[in-house]
Amino acid sequence: MNFRPICLLLMCLLVAAGTLWTTSAHAEEPTGELAQRLAGVKFDHYSEAPGYSEGPTWRDGDVFFCSGALLRVTGPQQVHKYLEIGPAGTVLLANGHMLICDNKHKALLDLAPDGNLGSSPTGLKPRHCSASTI
């Protein structure tokens, strides 16, 4: 007996059932105090990014983020290329230093508050770096 048509029919039924289940499953709208407070929140567009962005860090009124290079948004909300690296995440330390995962140089970089850039004191040289590395 040839079971192939039966197996194909069962697979189609499983896919259809899964599709119906996922499209019919809706989460209830939150109704608690926090949901009510957030319902009235208005968002301001802070600044334009050139594309996909990640790893934002606020330091002394400026925002640093990763988007093809390390970009910096200054006080008047102007975006500038700050470092020509391949960043994939930033973390601000309590001493004002910013650790930057750099995939261009395969290093964990240390950006001091005065703008001096060096490698992290850990000497970490990852093959691939992201903010979760830090």
C-alpha atoms as a PDB file:
ATOM      1  CA  MET A   1       0.000   0.000   0.000  1.00  0.00           C
ATOM      2  CA  ASN A   2       1.259   3.489  -0.897  1.00  0.00           C
ATOM      3  CA  PHE A   3       1.205   5.704   2.217  1.00  0.00           C
ATOM      4  CA  ARG A   4       2.618   8.779   0.535  1.00  0.00           C
ATOM      5  CA  PRO A   5      -0.763  10.396  -0.357  1.00  0.00           C
ATOM      6  CA  ILE A   6      -2.002   9.800   3.192  1.00  0.00           C
ATOM      7  CA  CYS A   7       1.169  11.318   4.706  1.00  0.00           C
ATOM      8  CA  LEU A   8       0.903  14.373   2.439  1.00  0.00           C
ATOM      9  CA  LEU A   9      -2.762  14.819   3.374  1.00  0.00           C
ATOM     10  CA  LEU A  10      -1.934  14.580   7.096  1.00  0.00           C
ATOM     11  CA  MET A  11       0.886  17.114   6.734  1.00  0.00           C
ATOM     12  CA  CYS A  12      -1.424  19.541   4.915  1.00  0.00           C
ATOM     13  CA  LEU A  13      -4.059  19.150   7.634  1.00  0.00           C
ATOM     14  CA  LEU A  14      -1.472  19.781  10.369  1.00  0.00           C
ATOM     15  CA  VAL A  15      -0.179  22.905   8.620  1.00  0.00           C
ATOM     16  CA  ALA A  16      -3.728  24.211   8.106  1.00  0.00           C
ATOM     17  CA  ALA A  17      -4.649  23.515  11.740  1.00  0.00           C
ATOM     18  CA  GLY A  18      -1.488  25.267  12.957  1.00  0.00           C
ATOM     19  CA  THR A  19      -2.196  28.273  10.765  1.00  0.00           C
ATOM     20  CA  LEU A  20      -5.768  28.538  12.033  1.00  0.00           C
ATOM     21  CA  TRP A  21      -4.621  28.198  15.646  1.00  0.00           C
ATOM     22  CA  THR A  22      -1.940  30.905  15.393  1.00  0.00           C
ATOM     23  CA  THR A  23      -4.168  33.386  13.547  1.00  0.00           C
ATOM     24  CA  SER A  24      -7.091  32.896  15.945  1.00  0.00           C
ATOM     25  CA  ALA A  25      -5.002  33.202  19.126  1.00  0.00           C
ATOM     26  CA  HIS A  26      -5.124  36.843  20.237  1.00  0.00           C
ATOM     27  CA  ALA A  27      -3.831  38.239  23.488  1.00  0.00           C
ATOM     28  CA  GLU A  28      -6.203  40.263  25.593  1.00  0.00           C
ATOM     29  CA  GLU A  29      -5.518  43.968  25.837  1.00  0.00           C
ATOM     30  CA  PRO A  30      -3.886  44.823  29.156  1.00  0.00           C
ATOM     31  CA  THR A  31      -6.218  46.683  31.510  1.00  0.00           C
ATOM     32  CA  GLY A  32      -4.197  47.342  34.672  1.00  0.00           C
ATOM     33  CA  GLU A  33      -3.039  50.663  36.122  1.00  0.00           C
ATOM     34  CA  LEU A  34       0.209  50.648  34.126  1.00  0.00           C
ATOM     35  CA  ALA A  35      -1.679  49.985  30.877  1.00  0.00           C
ATOM     36  CA  GLN A  36      -3.975  52.925  31.592  1.00  0.00           C
ATOM     37  CA  ARG A  37      -1.037  55.239  32.341  1.00  0.00           C
ATOM     38  CA  LEU A  38       0.822  54.130  29.191  1.00  0.00           C
ATOM     39  CA  ALA A  39      -2.255  54.610  27.006  1.00  0.00           C
ATOM     40  CA  GLY A  40      -1.833  58.377  27.270  1.00  0.00           C
ATOM     41  CA  VAL A  41       1.905  58.463  26.568  1.00  0.00           C
ATOM     42  CA  LYS A  42       2.967  60.564  23.594  1.00  0.00           C
ATOM     43  CA  PHE A  43       6.259  59.775  21.855  1.00  0.00           C
ATOM     44  CA  ASP A  44       8.594  62.319  20.339  1.00  0.00           C
ATOM     45  CA  HIS A  45      10.744  61.420  17.364  1.00  0.00           C
ATOM     46  CA  TYR A  46      14.223  62.050  18.746  1.00  0.00           C
ATOM     47  CA  SER A  47      16.404  61.738  15.648  1.00  0.00           C
ATOM     48  CA  GLU A  48      16.778  59.954  12.304  1.00  0.00           C
ATOM     49  CA  ALA A  49      18.946  56.872  11.996  1.00  0.00           C
ATOM     50  CA  PRO A  50      20.370  55.838   8.617  1.00  0.00           C
ATOM     51  CA  GLY A  51      19.131  52.276   8.950  1.00  0.00           C
ATOM     52  CA  TYR A  52      18.963  49.405  11.395  1.00  0.00           C
ATOM     53  CA  SER A  53      20.250  50.607  14.745  1.00  0.00           C
ATOM     54  CA  GLU A  54      21.104  48.967  18.048  1.00  0.00           C
ATOM     55  CA  GLY A  55      23.118  49.357  21.222  1.00  0.00           C
ATOM     56  CA  PRO A  56      22.099  52.850  22.370  1.00  0.00           C
ATOM     57  CA  THR A  57      23.967  54.444  25.259  1.00  0.00           C
ATOM     58  CA  TRP A  58      23.233  57.856  26.783  1.00  0.00           C
ATOM     59  CA  ARG A  59      26.256  59.748  28.099  1.00  0.00           C
ATOM     60  CA  ASP A  60      26.323  63.387  29.174  1.00  0.00           C
ATOM     61  CA  GLY A  61      23.283  64.329  27.084  1.00  0.00           C
ATOM     62  CA  ASP A  62      24.462  62.565  23.911  1.00  0.00           C
ATOM     63  CA  VAL A  63      23.219  59.276  22.522  1.00  0.00           C
ATOM     64  CA  PHE A  64      25.714  56.840  20.977  1.00  0.00           C
ATOM     65  CA  PHE A  65      24.369  53.960  18.897  1.00  0.00           C
ATOM     66  CA  CYS A  66      25.428  51.375  16.341  1.00  0.00           C
ATOM     67  CA  SER A  67      24.329  51.701  12.725  1.00  0.00           C
ATOM     68  CA  GLY A  68      27.132  50.773  10.326  1.00  0.00           C
ATOM     69  CA  ALA A  69      29.499  52.864  12.464  1.00  0.00           C
ATOM     70  CA  LEU A  70      29.344  54.297  15.950  1.00  0.00           C
ATOM     71  CA  LEU A  71      27.022  57.262  15.596  1.00  0.00           C
ATOM     72  CA  ARG A  72      26.472  60.098  18.052  1.00  0.00           C
ATOM     73  CA  VAL A  73      23.384  62.238  18.477  1.00  0.00           C
ATOM     74  CA  THR A  74      24.350  65.588  19.966  1.00  0.00           C
ATOM     75  CA  GLY A  75      22.230  68.059  21.926  1.00  0.00           C
ATOM     76  CA  PRO A  76      20.369  69.583  18.953  1.00  0.00           C
ATOM     77  CA  GLN A  77      19.471  66.002  17.910  1.00  0.00           C
ATOM     78  CA  GLN A  78      21.945  65.948  15.026  1.00  0.00           C
ATOM     79  CA  VAL A  79      23.384  62.547  14.014  1.00  0.00           C
ATOM     80  CA  HIS A  80      27.126  62.403  13.351  1.00  0.00           C
ATOM     81  CA  LYS A  81      29.480  59.549  12.545  1.00  0.00           C
ATOM     82  CA  TYR A  82      31.677  59.311  15.637  1.00  0.00           C
ATOM     83  CA  LEU A  83      33.887  56.270  14.952  1.00  0.00           C
ATOM     84  CA  GLU A  84      34.421  54.289  11.743  1.00  0.00           C
ATOM     85  CA  ILE A  85      34.164  50.866  13.342  1.00  0.00           C
ATOM     86  CA  GLY A  86      31.810  47.893  13.109  1.00  0.00           C
ATOM     87  CA  PRO A  87      29.964  48.248  16.403  1.00  0.00           C
ATOM     88  CA  ALA A  88      27.442  45.740  17.678  1.00  0.00           C
ATOM     89  CA  GLY A  89      26.580  47.110  21.089  1.00  0.00           C
ATOM     90  CA  THR A  90      27.651  49.591  23.720  1.00  0.00           C
ATOM     91  CA  VAL A  91      27.575  49.608  27.508  1.00  0.00           C
ATOM     92  CA  LEU A  92      28.184  52.602  29.762  1.00  0.00           C
ATOM     93  CA  LEU A  93      30.278  51.945  32.859  1.00  0.00           C
ATOM     94  CA  ALA A  94      29.901  53.788  36.166  1.00  0.00           C
ATOM     95  CA  ASN A  95      33.200  55.628  35.578  1.00  0.00           C
ATOM     96  CA  GLY A  96      31.868  57.184  32.330  1.00  0.00           C
ATOM     97  CA  HIS A  97      33.811  54.850  30.045  1.00  0.00           C
ATOM     98  CA  MET A  98      31.848  53.185  27.270  1.00  0.00           C
ATOM     99  CA  LEU A  99      32.634  49.634  26.210  1.00  0.00           C
ATOM    100  CA  ILE A 100      31.981  49.025  22.516  1.00  0.00           C
ATOM    101  CA  CYS A 101      31.828  45.651  20.808  1.00  0.00           C
ATOM    102  CA  ASP A 102      33.665  46.143  17.521  1.00  0.00           C
ATOM    103  CA  ASN A 103      33.423  43.479  14.838  1.00  0.00           C
ATOM    104  CA  LYS A 104      35.607  45.417  12.382  1.00  0.00           C
ATOM    105  CA  HIS A 105      38.710  45.089  14.540  1.00  0.00           C
ATOM    106  CA  LYS A 106      37.458  42.052  16.500  1.00  0.00           C
ATOM    107  CA  ALA A 107      37.926  43.818  19.814  1.00  0.00           C
ATOM    108  CA  LEU A 108      36.187  45.156  22.846  1.00  0.00           C
ATOM    109  CA  LEU A 109      36.967  48.877  22.793  1.00  0.00           C
ATOM    110  CA  ASP A 110      37.070  51.338  25.685  1.00  0.00           C
ATOM    111  CA  LEU A 111      35.935  54.897  24.908  1.00  0.00           C
ATOM    112  CA  ALA A 112      36.972  57.238  27.734  1.00  0.00           C
ATOM    113  CA  PRO A 113      34.872  60.297  28.662  1.00  0.00           C
ATOM    114  CA  ASP A 114      37.603  62.532  27.183  1.00  0.00           C
ATOM    115  CA  GLY A 115      37.238  60.785  23.796  1.00  0.00           C
ATOM    116  CA  ASN A 116      40.382  58.648  23.987  1.00  0.00           C
ATOM    117  CA  LEU A 117      39.840  55.229  22.479  1.00  0.00           C
ATOM    118  CA  GLY A 118      41.706  52.125  23.531  1.00  0.00           C
ATOM    119  CA  SER A 119      41.214  48.425  23.811  1.00  0.00           C
ATOM    120  CA  SER A 120      39.418  47.067  26.838  1.00  0.00           C
ATOM    121  CA  PRO A 121      41.641  46.302  29.826  1.00  0.00           C
ATOM    122  CA  THR A 122      40.336  42.739  29.645  1.00  0.00           C
ATOM    123  CA  GLY A 123      42.281  42.195  26.408  1.00  0.00           C
ATOM    124  CA  LEU A 124      39.260  40.294  25.089  1.00  0.00           C
ATOM    125  CA  LYS A 125      39.574  39.582  21.335  1.00  0.00           C
ATOM    126  CA  PRO A 126      36.286  37.907  20.363  1.00  0.00           C
ATOM    127  CA  ARG A 127      35.688  36.423  16.921  1.00  0.00           C
ATOM    128  CA  HIS A 128      32.212  37.952  16.987  1.00  0.00           C
ATOM    129  CA  CYS A 129      31.114  40.527  19.494  1.00  0.00           C
ATOM    130  CA  SER A 130      27.726  41.819  20.640  1.00  0.00           C
ATOM    131  CA  ALA A 131      26.425  43.693  23.652  1.00  0.00           C
ATOM    132  CA  SER A 132      25.741  40.362  25.327  1.00  0.00           C
ATOM    133  CA  THR A 133      29.514  39.734  25.226  1.00  0.00           C
ATOM    134  CA  ILE A 134      29.950  42.492  27.776  1.00  0.00           C
END
